[in-house]
PDB file of all heavy atoms in Angstrom:
ATOM      1  N   VAL A   1     -22.131 -28.339  29.699  1.00  0.00           N
ATOM      2  CA  VAL A   1     -22.124 -28.412  31.178  1.00  0.00           C
ATOM      3  C   VAL A   1     -21.917 -27.053  31.803  1.00  0.00           C
ATOM      4  O   VAL A   1     -20.803 -26.497  31.673  1.00  0.00           O
ATOM      5  CB  VAL A   1     -21.178 -29.435  31.617  1.00  0.00           C
ATOM      6  CG1 VAL A   1     -21.243 -29.527  33.161  1.00  0.00           C
ATOM      7  CG2 VAL A   1     -21.450 -30.817  30.968  1.00  0.00           C
ATOM      8  N   GLU A   2     -22.923 -26.539  32.552  1.00  0.00           N
ATOM      9  CA  GLU A   2     -22.801 -25.266  33.223  1.00  0.00           C
ATOM     10  C   GLU A   2     -22.245 -25.428  34.643  1.00  0.00           C
ATOM     11  O   GLU A   2     -22.387 -26.501  35.260  1.00  0.00           O
ATOM     12  CB  GLU A   2     -24.155 -24.523  33.339  1.00  0.00           C
ATOM     13  CG  GLU A   2     -24.789 -24.251  32.057  1.00  0.00           C
ATOM     14  CD  GLU A   2     -25.926 -25.177  31.787  1.00  0.00           C
ATOM     15  OE1 GLU A   2     -25.836 -26.361  32.262  1.00  0.00           O
ATOM     16  OE2 GLU A   2     -26.900 -24.867  30.981  1.00  0.00           O
ATOM     17  N   SER A   3     -21.564 -24.415  35.138  1.00  0.00           N
ATOM     18  CA  SER A   3     -21.124 -24.437  36.498  1.00  0.00           C
ATOM     19  C   SER A   3     -21.062 -22.975  36.944  1.00  0.00           C
ATOM     20  O   SER A   3     -21.054 -22.095  36.145  1.00  0.00           O
ATOM     21  CB  SER A   3     -19.709 -25.114  36.631  1.00  0.00           C
ATOM     22  OG  SER A   3     -18.781 -24.448  35.849  1.00  0.00           O
ATOM     23  N   GLY A   4     -20.848 -22.763  38.300  1.00  0.00           N
ATOM     24  CA  GLY A   4     -20.562 -21.432  38.828  1.00  0.00           C
ATOM     25  C   GLY A   4     -21.750 -20.717  39.490  1.00  0.00           C
ATOM     26  O   GLY A   4     -21.639 -19.708  40.052  1.00  0.00           O
ATOM     27  N   GLY A   5     -22.952 -21.456  39.534  1.00  0.00           N
ATOM     28  CA  GLY A   5     -24.134 -20.900  40.172  1.00  0.00           C
ATOM     29  C   GLY A   5     -23.878 -20.942  41.717  1.00  0.00           C
ATOM     30  O   GLY A   5     -22.953 -21.559  42.237  1.00  0.00           O
ATOM     31  N   GLY A   6     -24.763 -20.272  42.435  1.00  0.00           N
ATOM     32  CA  GLY A   6     -24.730 -20.283  43.852  1.00  0.00           C
ATOM     33  C   GLY A   6     -25.730 -19.259  44.506  1.00  0.00           C
ATOM     34  O   GLY A   6     -26.512 -18.656  43.772  1.00  0.00           O
ATOM     35  N   LEU A   7     -25.452 -19.118  45.780  1.00  0.00           N
ATOM     36  CA  LEU A   7     -26.315 -18.183  46.576  1.00  0.00           C
ATOM     37  C   LEU A   7     -25.472 -16.957  46.908  1.00  0.00           C
ATOM     38  O   LEU A   7     -24.403 -17.179  47.551  1.00  0.00           O
ATOM     39  CB  LEU A   7     -26.805 -18.813  47.880  1.00  0.00           C
ATOM     40  CG  LEU A   7     -27.499 -17.957  48.908  1.00  0.00           C
ATOM     41  CD1 LEU A   7     -28.786 -17.335  48.270  1.00  0.00           C
ATOM     42  CD2 LEU A   7     -27.837 -18.789  50.168  1.00  0.00           C
ATOM     43  N   VAL A   8     -25.880 -15.769  46.513  1.00  0.00           N
ATOM     44  CA  VAL A   8     -25.094 -14.560  46.830  1.00  0.00           C
ATOM     45  C   VAL A   8     -26.127 -13.481  47.365  1.00  0.00           C
ATOM     46  O   VAL A   8     -27.320 -13.699  47.235  1.00  0.00           O
ATOM     47  CB  VAL A   8     -24.428 -14.101  45.557  1.00  0.00           C
ATOM     48  CG1 VAL A   8     -23.353 -15.031  45.050  1.00  0.00           C
ATOM     49  CG2 VAL A   8     -25.341 -13.727  44.486  1.00  0.00           C
ATOM     50  N   GLN A   9     -25.583 -12.442  47.775  1.00  0.00           N
ATOM     51  CA  GLN A   9     -26.331 -11.272  48.250  1.00  0.00           C
ATOM     52  C   GLN A   9     -26.464 -10.227  47.001  1.00  0.00           C
ATOM     53  O   GLN A   9     -25.619 -10.162  46.128  1.00  0.00           O
ATOM     54  CB  GLN A   9     -25.712 -10.638  49.428  1.00  0.00           C
ATOM     55  CG  GLN A   9     -25.727 -11.490  50.624  1.00  0.00           C
ATOM     56  CD  GLN A   9     -25.276 -10.705  51.912  1.00  0.00           C
ATOM     57  OE1 GLN A   9     -24.532  -9.872  51.796  1.00  0.00           O
ATOM     58  NE2 GLN A   9     -25.764 -11.224  53.077  1.00  0.00           N
ATOM     59  N   ALA A  10     -27.508  -9.408  47.180  1.00  0.00           N
ATOM     60  CA  ALA A  10     -27.679  -8.334  46.180  1.00  0.00           C
ATOM     61  C   ALA A  10     -26.415  -7.513  46.101  1.00  0.00           C
ATOM     62  O   ALA A  10     -25.855  -7.117  47.147  1.00  0.00           O
ATOM     63  CB  ALA A  10     -28.899  -7.517  46.529  1.00  0.00           C
ATOM     64  N   GLY A  11     -26.002  -7.190  44.881  1.00  0.00           N
ATOM     65  CA  GLY A  11     -24.813  -6.389  44.679  1.00  0.00           C
ATOM     66  C   GLY A  11     -23.517  -7.184  44.427  1.00  0.00           C
ATOM     67  O   GLY A  11     -22.538  -6.569  43.995  1.00  0.00           O
ATOM     68  N   ASP A  12     -23.619  -8.443  44.767  1.00  0.00           N
ATOM     69  CA  ASP A  12     -22.412  -9.390  44.563  1.00  0.00           C
ATOM     70  C   ASP A  12     -22.302  -9.741  43.030  1.00  0.00           C
ATOM     71  O   ASP A  12     -23.140  -9.412  42.263  1.00  0.00           O
ATOM     72  CB  ASP A  12     -22.626 -10.674  45.347  1.00  0.00           C
ATOM     73  CG  ASP A  12     -22.348 -10.396  46.855  1.00  0.00           C
ATOM     74  OD1 ASP A  12     -21.866  -9.307  47.203  1.00  0.00           O
ATOM     75  OD2 ASP A  12     -22.652 -11.284  47.705  1.00  0.00           O
ATOM     76  N   SER A  13     -21.301 -10.470  42.795  1.00  0.00           N
ATOM     77  CA  SER A  13     -20.917 -10.941  41.489  1.00  0.00           C
ATOM     78  C   SER A  13     -20.807 -12.460  41.398  1.00  0.00           C
ATOM     79  O   SER A  13     -20.456 -13.103  42.446  1.00  0.00           O
ATOM     80  CB  SER A  13     -19.597 -10.282  40.977  1.00  0.00           C
ATOM     81  OG  SER A  13     -19.699  -8.957  40.872  1.00  0.00           O
ATOM     82  N   LEU A  14     -21.069 -12.987  40.266  1.00  0.00           N
ATOM     83  CA  LEU A  14     -20.843 -14.451  40.023  1.00  0.00           C
ATOM     84  C   LEU A  14     -20.421 -14.520  38.581  1.00  0.00           C
ATOM     85  O   LEU A  14     -20.797 -13.769  37.636  1.00  0.00           O
ATOM     86  CB  LEU A  14     -22.185 -15.254  40.126  1.00  0.00           C
ATOM     87  CG  LEU A  14     -22.495 -15.805  41.495  1.00  0.00           C
ATOM     88  CD1 LEU A  14     -23.886 -16.514  41.378  1.00  0.00           C
ATOM     89  CD2 LEU A  14     -21.530 -16.729  42.080  1.00  0.00           C
ATOM     90  N   ARG A  15     -19.655 -15.606  38.257  1.00  0.00           N
ATOM     91  CA  ARG A  15     -19.254 -15.929  36.880  1.00  0.00           C
ATOM     92  C   ARG A  15     -19.701 -17.369  36.685  1.00  0.00           C
ATOM     93  O   ARG A  15     -19.206 -18.247  37.263  1.00  0.00           O
ATOM     94  CB  ARG A  15     -17.768 -15.811  36.664  1.00  0.00           C
ATOM     95  CG  ARG A  15     -17.450 -15.935  35.144  1.00  0.00           C
ATOM     96  CD  ARG A  15     -16.068 -15.623  34.779  1.00  0.00           C
ATOM     97  NE  ARG A  15     -15.144 -16.803  35.006  1.00  0.00           N
ATOM     98  CZ  ARG A  15     -13.999 -17.008  34.413  1.00  0.00           C
ATOM     99  NH1 ARG A  15     -13.638 -16.140  33.473  1.00  0.00           N
ATOM    100  NH2 ARG A  15     -13.295 -18.065  34.661  1.00  0.00           N
ATOM    101  N   LEU A  16     -20.488 -17.541  35.620  1.00  0.00           N
ATOM    102  CA  LEU A  16     -21.042 -18.782  35.209  1.00  0.00           C
ATOM    103  C   LEU A  16     -20.088 -19.244  33.986  1.00  0.00           C
ATOM    104  O   LEU A  16     -19.630 -18.368  33.259  1.00  0.00           O
ATOM    105  CB  LEU A  16     -22.409 -18.794  34.670  1.00  0.00           C
ATOM    106  CG  LEU A  16     -23.468 -18.251  35.685  1.00  0.00           C
ATOM    107  CD1 LEU A  16     -24.844 -18.353  35.040  1.00  0.00           C
ATOM    108  CD2 LEU A  16     -23.356 -19.002  37.017  1.00  0.00           C
ATOM    109  N   SER A  17     -19.822 -20.615  33.938  1.00  0.00           N
ATOM    110  CA  SER A  17     -19.109 -21.161  32.945  1.00  0.00           C
ATOM    111  C   SER A  17     -19.953 -22.269  32.196  1.00  0.00           C
ATOM    112  O   SER A  17     -20.801 -22.853  32.891  1.00  0.00           O
ATOM    113  CB  SER A  17     -17.801 -21.769  33.381  1.00  0.00           C
ATOM    114  OG  SER A  17     -16.971 -20.811  34.004  1.00  0.00           O
ATOM    115  N   CYS A  18     -19.742 -22.424  30.926  1.00  0.00           N
ATOM    116  CA  CYS A  18     -20.392 -23.450  30.121  1.00  0.00           C
ATOM    117  C   CYS A  18     -19.301 -24.097  29.322  1.00  0.00           C
ATOM    118  O   CYS A  18     -18.801 -23.577  28.335  1.00  0.00           O
ATOM    119  CB  CYS A  18     -21.501 -22.941  29.320  1.00  0.00           C
ATOM    120  SG  CYS A  18     -22.267 -24.054  28.274  1.00  0.00           S
ATOM    121  N   ALA A  19     -18.967 -25.426  29.692  1.00  0.00           N
ATOM    122  CA  ALA A  19     -18.044 -26.171  28.817  1.00  0.00           C
ATOM    123  C   ALA A  19     -18.757 -27.037  27.803  1.00  0.00           C
ATOM    124  O   ALA A  19     -19.734 -27.708  28.137  1.00  0.00           O
ATOM    125  CB  ALA A  19     -17.248 -27.037  29.802  1.00  0.00           C
ATOM    126  N   ALA A  20     -18.190 -26.938  26.581  1.00  0.00           N
ATOM    127  CA  ALA A  20     -18.867 -27.635  25.456  1.00  0.00           C
ATOM    128  C   ALA A  20     -17.915 -28.742  24.884  1.00  0.00           C
ATOM    129  O   ALA A  20     -16.773 -28.620  24.892  1.00  0.00           O
ATOM    130  CB  ALA A  20     -19.191 -26.622  24.328  1.00  0.00           C
ATOM    131  N   SER A  21     -18.590 -29.762  24.454  1.00  0.00           N
ATOM    132  CA  SER A  21     -17.850 -30.825  23.782  1.00  0.00           C
ATOM    133  C   SER A  21     -17.852 -30.524  22.278  1.00  0.00           C
ATOM    134  O   SER A  21     -18.629 -29.695  21.781  1.00  0.00           O
ATOM    135  CB  SER A  21     -18.489 -32.158  23.985  1.00  0.00           C
ATOM    136  OG  SER A  21     -19.784 -32.143  23.399  1.00  0.00           O
ATOM    137  N   GLY A  22     -16.990 -31.264  21.507  1.00  0.00           N
ATOM    138  CA  GLY A  22     -17.094 -31.078  20.038  1.00  0.00           C
ATOM    139  C   GLY A  22     -15.883 -30.271  19.579  1.00  0.00           C
ATOM    140  O   GLY A  22     -15.473 -29.278  20.236  1.00  0.00           O
ATOM    141  N   ARG A  23     -15.442 -30.525  18.432  1.00  0.00           N
ATOM    142  CA  ARG A  23     -14.361 -29.764  17.820  1.00  0.00           C
ATOM    143  C   ARG A  23     -14.634 -28.539  17.144  1.00  0.00           C
ATOM    144  O   ARG A  23     -13.785 -27.794  16.744  1.00  0.00           O
ATOM    145  CB  ARG A  23     -13.555 -30.771  16.861  1.00  0.00           C
ATOM    146  CG  ARG A  23     -12.875 -32.004  17.561  1.00  0.00           C
ATOM    147  CD  ARG A  23     -12.340 -32.881  16.527  1.00  0.00           C
ATOM    148  NE  ARG A  23     -13.368 -33.433  15.658  1.00  0.00           N
ATOM    149  CZ  ARG A  23     -13.067 -34.211  14.595  1.00  0.00           C
ATOM    150  NH1 ARG A  23     -11.836 -34.449  14.295  1.00  0.00           N
ATOM    151  NH2 ARG A  23     -14.083 -34.764  13.887  1.00  0.00           N
ATOM    152  N   THR A  24     -15.970 -28.284  16.806  1.00  0.00           N
ATOM    153  CA  THR A  24     -16.337 -27.154  16.116  1.00  0.00           C
ATOM    154  C   THR A  24     -17.033 -26.103  16.884  1.00  0.00           C
ATOM    155  O   THR A  24     -17.780 -25.274  16.362  1.00  0.00           O
ATOM    156  CB  THR A  24     -17.200 -27.579  14.927  1.00  0.00           C
ATOM    157  OG1 THR A  24     -18.413 -28.286  15.459  1.00  0.00           O
ATOM    158  CG2 THR A  24     -16.497 -28.408  13.966  1.00  0.00           C
ATOM    159  N   PHE A  25     -16.675 -26.048  18.201  1.00  0.00           N
ATOM    160  CA  PHE A  25     -17.326 -25.067  19.096  1.00  0.00           C
ATOM    161  C   PHE A  25     -17.122 -23.608  18.578  1.00  0.00           C
ATOM    162  O   PHE A  25     -18.014 -22.807  18.691  1.00  0.00           O
ATOM    163  CB  PHE A  25     -16.592 -25.130  20.468  1.00  0.00           C
ATOM    164  CG  PHE A  25     -16.995 -24.078  21.488  1.00  0.00           C
ATOM    165  CD1 PHE A  25     -18.243 -24.152  22.121  1.00  0.00           C
ATOM    166  CD2 PHE A  25     -16.230 -22.997  21.687  1.00  0.00           C
ATOM    167  CE1 PHE A  25     -18.543 -23.176  23.083  1.00  0.00           C
ATOM    168  CE2 PHE A  25     -16.555 -22.021  22.556  1.00  0.00           C
ATOM    169  CZ  PHE A  25     -17.788 -22.118  23.249  1.00  0.00           C
ATOM    170  N   SER A  26     -16.003 -23.394  17.943  1.00  0.00           N
ATOM    171  CA  SER A  26     -15.710 -22.020  17.495  1.00  0.00           C
ATOM    172  C   SER A  26     -16.678 -21.552  16.288  1.00  0.00           C
ATOM    173  O   SER A  26     -16.602 -20.480  15.845  1.00  0.00           O
ATOM    174  CB  SER A  26     -14.219 -21.940  17.040  1.00  0.00           C
ATOM    175  OG  SER A  26     -13.968 -22.853  16.011  1.00  0.00           O
ATOM    176  N   ASN A  27     -17.448 -22.559  15.772  1.00  0.00           N
ATOM    177  CA  ASN A  27     -18.316 -22.171  14.647  1.00  0.00           C
ATOM    178  C   ASN A  27     -19.759 -21.814  15.192  1.00  0.00           C
ATOM    179  O   ASN A  27     -20.609 -21.395  14.345  1.00  0.00           O
ATOM    180  CB  ASN A  27     -18.523 -23.422  13.731  1.00  0.00           C
ATOM    181  CG  ASN A  27     -17.224 -23.740  13.037  1.00  0.00           C
ATOM    182  OD1 ASN A  27     -16.253 -23.024  13.128  1.00  0.00           O
ATOM    183  ND2 ASN A  27     -17.189 -24.954  12.446  1.00  0.00           N
ATOM    184  N   TYR A  28     -20.031 -21.913  16.533  1.00  0.00           N
ATOM    185  CA  TYR A  28     -21.343 -21.856  16.990  1.00  0.00           C
ATOM    186  C   TYR A  28     -21.612 -20.522  17.659  1.00  0.00           C
ATOM    187  O   TYR A  28     -20.795 -19.980  18.409  1.00  0.00           O
ATOM    188  CB  TYR A  28     -21.713 -22.899  18.023  1.00  0.00           C
ATOM    189  CG  TYR A  28     -21.393 -24.271  17.718  1.00  0.00           C
ATOM    190  CD1 TYR A  28     -20.982 -25.160  18.710  1.00  0.00           C
ATOM    191  CD2 TYR A  28     -21.445 -24.822  16.360  1.00  0.00           C
ATOM    192  CE1 TYR A  28     -20.724 -26.527  18.418  1.00  0.00           C
ATOM    193  CE2 TYR A  28     -21.148 -26.081  16.038  1.00  0.00           C
ATOM    194  CZ  TYR A  28     -20.732 -26.950  17.060  1.00  0.00           C
ATOM    195  OH  TYR A  28     -20.518 -28.296  16.801  1.00  0.00           O
ATOM    196  N   VAL A  29     -22.809 -19.915  17.418  1.00  0.00           N
ATOM    197  CA  VAL A  29     -23.304 -18.867  18.251  1.00  0.00           C
ATOM    198  C   VAL A  29     -23.705 -19.536  19.603  1.00  0.00           C
ATOM    199  O   VAL A  29     -24.298 -20.579  19.616  1.00  0.00           O
ATOM    200  CB  VAL A  29     -24.511 -18.153  17.550  1.00  0.00           C
ATOM    201  CG1 VAL A  29     -25.185 -17.189  18.598  1.00  0.00           C
ATOM    202  CG2 VAL A  29     -24.030 -17.475  16.309  1.00  0.00           C
ATOM    203  N   MET A  30     -23.390 -18.867  20.698  1.00  0.00           N
ATOM    204  CA  MET A  30     -23.695 -19.380  21.986  1.00  0.00           C
ATOM    205  C   MET A  30     -24.604 -18.323  22.733  1.00  0.00           C
ATOM    206  O   MET A  30     -24.503 -17.099  22.358  1.00  0.00           O
ATOM    207  CB  MET A  30     -22.443 -19.671  22.809  1.00  0.00           C
ATOM    208  CG  MET A  30     -21.481 -20.719  22.257  1.00  0.00           C
ATOM    209  SD  MET A  30     -22.249 -22.296  22.292  1.00  0.00           S
ATOM    210  CE  MET A  30     -22.374 -22.615  24.053  1.00  0.00           C
ATOM    211  N   ALA A  31     -25.361 -18.803  23.672  1.00  0.00           N
ATOM    212  CA  ALA A  31     -26.212 -17.947  24.390  1.00  0.00           C
ATOM    213  C   ALA A  31     -26.438 -18.444  25.796  1.00  0.00           C
ATOM    214  O   ALA A  31     -26.231 -19.549  26.140  1.00  0.00           O
ATOM    215  CB  ALA A  31     -27.532 -17.786  23.712  1.00  0.00           C
ATOM    216  N   TRP A  32     -26.928 -17.513  26.645  1.00  0.00           N
ATOM    217  CA  TRP A  32     -27.418 -17.843  27.959  1.00  0.00           C
ATOM    218  C   TRP A  32     -28.930 -17.375  28.086  1.00  0.00           C
ATOM    219  O   TRP A  32     -29.274 -16.282  27.565  1.00  0.00           O
ATOM    220  CB  TRP A  32     -26.670 -17.059  29.042  1.00  0.00           C
ATOM    221  CG  TRP A  32     -25.224 -17.497  29.252  1.00  0.00           C
ATOM    222  CD1 TRP A  32     -24.147 -17.114  28.664  1.00  0.00           C
ATOM    223  CD2 TRP A  32     -24.815 -18.535  30.139  1.00  0.00           C
ATOM    224  NE1 TRP A  32     -23.021 -17.813  29.181  1.00  0.00           N
ATOM    225  CE2 TRP A  32     -23.469 -18.783  30.029  1.00  0.00           C
ATOM    226  CE3 TRP A  32     -25.543 -19.493  31.093  1.00  0.00           C
ATOM    227  CZ2 TRP A  32     -22.734 -19.647  30.708  1.00  0.00           C
ATOM    228  CZ3 TRP A  32     -24.748 -20.388  31.695  1.00  0.00           C
ATOM    229  CH2 TRP A  32     -23.399 -20.509  31.557  1.00  0.00           C
ATOM    230  N   PHE A  33     -29.685 -18.309  28.630  1.00  0.00           N
ATOM    231  CA  PHE A  33     -31.031 -18.077  28.898  1.00  0.00           C
ATOM    232  C   PHE A  33     -31.250 -18.286  30.443  1.00  0.00           C
ATOM    233  O   PHE A  33     -30.417 -18.853  31.122  1.00  0.00           O
ATOM    234  CB  PHE A  33     -31.996 -19.019  28.152  1.00  0.00           C
ATOM    235  CG  PHE A  33     -32.110 -18.670  26.691  1.00  0.00           C
ATOM    236  CD1 PHE A  33     -31.002 -19.031  25.838  1.00  0.00           C
ATOM    237  CD2 PHE A  33     -33.160 -18.093  26.177  1.00  0.00           C
ATOM    238  CE1 PHE A  33     -31.107 -18.693  24.492  1.00  0.00           C
ATOM    239  CE2 PHE A  33     -33.269 -17.852  24.810  1.00  0.00           C
ATOM    240  CZ  PHE A  33     -32.203 -18.143  23.967  1.00  0.00           C
ATOM    241  N   ARG A  34     -32.366 -17.891  30.991  1.00  0.00           N
ATOM    242  CA  ARG A  34     -32.687 -18.154  32.395  1.00  0.00           C
ATOM    243  C   ARG A  34     -34.155 -18.341  32.609  1.00  0.00           C
ATOM    244  O   ARG A  34     -35.025 -17.851  31.809  1.00  0.00           O
ATOM    245  CB  ARG A  34     -32.198 -17.021  33.321  1.00  0.00           C
ATOM    246  CG  ARG A  34     -32.912 -15.706  33.152  1.00  0.00           C
ATOM    247  CD  ARG A  34     -32.257 -14.604  33.890  1.00  0.00           C
ATOM    248  NE  ARG A  34     -32.997 -13.293  33.802  1.00  0.00           N
ATOM    249  CZ  ARG A  34     -32.561 -12.206  34.397  1.00  0.00           C
ATOM    250  NH1 ARG A  34     -31.416 -12.147  35.112  1.00  0.00           N
ATOM    251  NH2 ARG A  34     -33.273 -11.084  34.206  1.00  0.00           N
TER     252      ARG A  34
END
């Protein structure tokens, strides 16, 4: 589940988060695509 998106102006910052279920999250390679 992603969160943190929005409308910003050029030059601004945003931080996206992605919460994962499961007990073995630490075993996975993770990535962001757009």
